Protein backbone atom coordinates (compact mmCIF):
# COMPACT_ATOMS: atom_id res chain seq x y z
CA MET A 1 0.84 133.64 13.68
CA HIS A 2 -1.45 133.87 16.61
CA VAL A 3 -4.60 135.54 16.49
CA GLN A 4 -6.48 136.35 19.39
CA LEU A 5 -9.93 137.28 18.87
CA PRO A 6 -11.91 140.10 21.45
CA ALA A 7 -13.57 137.61 24.37
CA ARG A 8 -16.97 138.76 23.07
CA SER A 9 -16.21 137.25 19.61
CA SER A 10 -15.24 134.12 20.94
CA ARG A 11 -18.24 133.49 23.35
CA ALA A 12 -20.70 133.94 20.19
CA LEU A 13 -18.07 131.32 18.28
CA MET A 14 -18.52 128.82 21.10
CA ALA A 15 -21.95 129.84 21.46
CA ALA A 16 -22.68 129.49 17.77
CA ALA A 17 -21.33 125.99 17.56
CA VAL A 18 -23.73 124.75 20.71
CA ALA A 19 -26.30 125.74 18.58
CA VAL A 20 -25.80 123.53 15.36
CA PHE A 21 -24.17 120.68 17.59
CA ALA A 22 -27.61 120.70 19.69
CA LEU A 23 -29.70 121.60 16.11
CA ALA A 24 -27.68 118.50 14.61
CA ALA A 25 -28.77 115.90 17.22
CA CYS A 26 -32.24 116.38 17.69
CA SER A 27 -32.65 116.53 14.00
CA LYS A 28 -30.59 112.94 15.06
CA GLU A 29 -33.09 112.06 17.47
CA THR A 30 -36.39 112.98 15.02
CA LYS A 31 -35.00 110.60 12.53
CA GLU A 32 -34.16 107.43 14.74
CA ALA A 33 -37.53 108.07 15.97
CA GLY A 34 -39.38 107.50 12.90
CA GLY A 35 -40.71 111.69 13.05
CA ASP A 36 -40.27 113.23 10.28
CA VAL A 37 -37.61 116.42 10.30
CA THR A 38 -39.54 118.41 7.28
CA PRO A 39 -42.56 120.78 8.89
CA GLY A 40 -45.52 119.85 7.69
CA ALA A 41 -44.84 116.58 5.74
CA ALA A 42 -47.46 114.41 4.97
CA THR A 43 -47.00 111.06 6.97
CA PRO A 44 -47.24 108.08 4.86
CA ALA A 45 -49.91 105.67 4.19
CA PRO A 46 -50.11 102.86 5.77
CA ALA A 47 -50.40 99.57 4.00
CA ALA A 48 -52.85 98.39 2.48
CA THR A 49 -53.59 94.87 4.00
CA LEU A 50 -55.09 91.70 2.25
CA ALA A 51 -58.62 90.47 3.96
CA VAL A 52 -61.23 87.68 2.08
CA ALA A 53 -64.35 89.81 2.10
CA ASP A 54 -66.70 86.38 1.06
CA ILE A 55 -66.89 83.19 0.44
CA ASP A 56 -69.55 81.80 -2.68
CA VAL A 57 -70.21 78.14 -3.81
CA GLY A 58 -72.32 77.86 -6.96
CA ARG A 59 -72.63 75.51 -10.54
CA THR A 60 -71.48 77.94 -13.00
CA VAL A 61 -69.35 80.84 -12.60
CA ALA A 62 -68.11 84.02 -14.79
CA ASP A 63 -65.25 86.25 -14.57
CA LYS A 64 -63.99 84.12 -11.52
CA LYS A 65 -67.75 85.30 -9.78
CA ILE A 66 -70.72 82.67 -8.78
CA VAL A 67 -73.68 83.23 -11.54
CA ASP A 68 -75.92 81.17 -9.74
CA LYS A 69 -75.21 80.68 -5.76
CA THR A 70 -76.17 77.16 -4.69
CA ASP A 71 -75.47 74.64 -1.48
CA ASP A 72 -77.69 71.97 -3.31
CA PHE A 73 -75.58 69.82 -5.65
CA LYS A 74 -75.47 67.06 -8.26
CA ALA A 75 -73.27 63.88 -7.98
CA THR A 76 -72.43 64.50 -11.29
CA ASP A 77 -71.67 68.92 -11.32
CA THR A 78 -69.13 71.03 -11.03
CA VAL A 79 -68.75 72.39 -7.11
CA TYR A 80 -66.87 75.92 -7.92
CA THR A 81 -66.08 78.36 -4.76
CA SER A 82 -65.08 81.66 -5.79
CA VAL A 83 -63.15 83.74 -3.05
CA HIS A 84 -63.51 87.61 -2.90
CA THR A 85 -60.80 89.38 -2.20
CA THR A 86 -60.33 92.96 -0.81
CA GLY A 87 -57.22 95.41 -0.55
CA THR A 88 -53.24 95.06 -2.04
CA ALA A 89 -50.83 92.45 -1.32
CA ALA A 90 -47.30 91.70 -3.50
CA ASN A 91 -47.81 88.15 -3.01
CA ALA A 92 -50.38 85.78 -1.07
CA SER A 93 -51.68 82.16 -1.50
CA LEU A 94 -55.20 81.51 -1.21
CA MET A 95 -55.69 77.63 -0.53
CA ALA A 96 -59.73 75.95 -1.09
CA ARG A 97 -59.72 72.88 1.04
CA TRP A 98 -62.77 70.66 0.23
CA THR A 99 -63.71 68.11 3.20
CA PHE A 100 -66.25 64.70 3.20
CA GLU A 101 -68.49 65.16 6.25
CA ASP A 102 -66.65 62.73 8.11
CA GLY A 103 -63.43 64.84 7.64
CA GLN A 104 -61.21 63.62 4.93
CA VAL A 105 -60.02 65.82 2.67
CA VAL A 106 -61.54 65.29 -0.95
CA ASP A 107 -59.23 67.81 -2.80
CA GLU A 108 -56.85 71.34 -2.02
CA LYS A 109 -55.67 73.50 -4.19
CA THR A 110 -53.42 76.69 -4.20
CA GLU A 111 -53.47 79.70 -5.83
CA THR A 112 -50.72 82.82 -5.85
CA ILE A 113 -52.40 85.54 -6.05
CA ALA A 114 -50.99 89.56 -6.41
CA PRO A 115 -54.26 91.88 -6.14
CA THR A 116 -54.32 95.95 -6.16
CA ALA A 117 -58.17 95.91 -5.29
CA ASP A 118 -61.01 93.81 -4.90
CA ALA A 119 -59.95 90.57 -6.82
CA TRP A 120 -62.06 87.03 -7.06
CA THR A 121 -60.14 83.83 -6.90
CA GLU A 122 -62.18 80.76 -8.85
CA PHE A 123 -61.94 77.13 -7.63
CA HIS A 124 -63.65 73.68 -8.38
CA ILE A 125 -63.84 70.22 -7.63
CA SER A 126 -65.46 67.09 -9.66
CA LYS A 127 -65.33 63.50 -10.21
CA PRO A 128 -65.96 61.80 -13.44
CA GLY A 129 -68.12 59.25 -11.52
CA GLY A 130 -69.70 62.15 -9.44
CA LEU A 131 -69.05 62.99 -6.27
CA PRO A 132 -70.64 60.55 -3.41
CA LYS A 133 -73.76 62.14 -1.81
CA GLY A 134 -73.60 64.00 1.41
CA LYS A 135 -72.07 67.27 3.36
CA TYR A 136 -69.43 68.67 2.30
CA LYS A 137 -67.40 72.13 3.68
CA VAL A 138 -64.70 74.32 1.44
CA GLU A 139 -62.39 76.22 3.83
CA VAL A 140 -60.35 78.99 2.64
CA PHE A 141 -56.86 79.65 4.07
CA LEU A 142 -55.49 83.27 3.60
CA ASP A 143 -51.25 83.12 3.89
CA SER A 144 -51.95 79.43 6.18
CA LYS A 145 -54.70 81.38 7.67
CA SER A 146 -58.27 80.07 7.97
CA ALA A 147 -60.50 82.73 6.33
CA GLY A 148 -63.94 80.98 6.29
CA THR A 149 -65.73 77.83 5.55
CA LYS A 150 -68.92 77.39 3.38
CA GLU A 151 -71.31 74.51 3.53
CA PHE A 152 -72.92 72.26 0.94
CA GLU A 153 -74.48 69.03 -0.28
CA VAL A 154 -74.45 66.51 -2.83
CA LYS A 155 -77.89 64.85 -3.05
């Protein structure tokens, strides 16, 4: 059995089908372009990035922060380095590399961190017989990229 629709009804049905198809195509293009298909919906905030805000050296730490900042040390002192980071990261690497005045690497230490806000990470060096007198530098790396240096002297 074949039912014939009046010409007006078949044109209306065809127009409705074209409109639905066009709407679906626009929605797909918006999604592929990264657009939001819900009018008025909030866009997600950009991901925060981790950065080194400050590097300090000193003789004493409390809560991983330098208590007495200095760049002059005795050979028998422990040299503490505190790295202040801002931002967030699920998994980041901080490395402190201490070098002597001739560029010789004295020590290198790495910490894996996962901060959710401002954070401090502590590193330190010392030698049982004392550090040789001279000028030193500690360079901090965040995920293998240099994030800054501090110079100090052992007298």
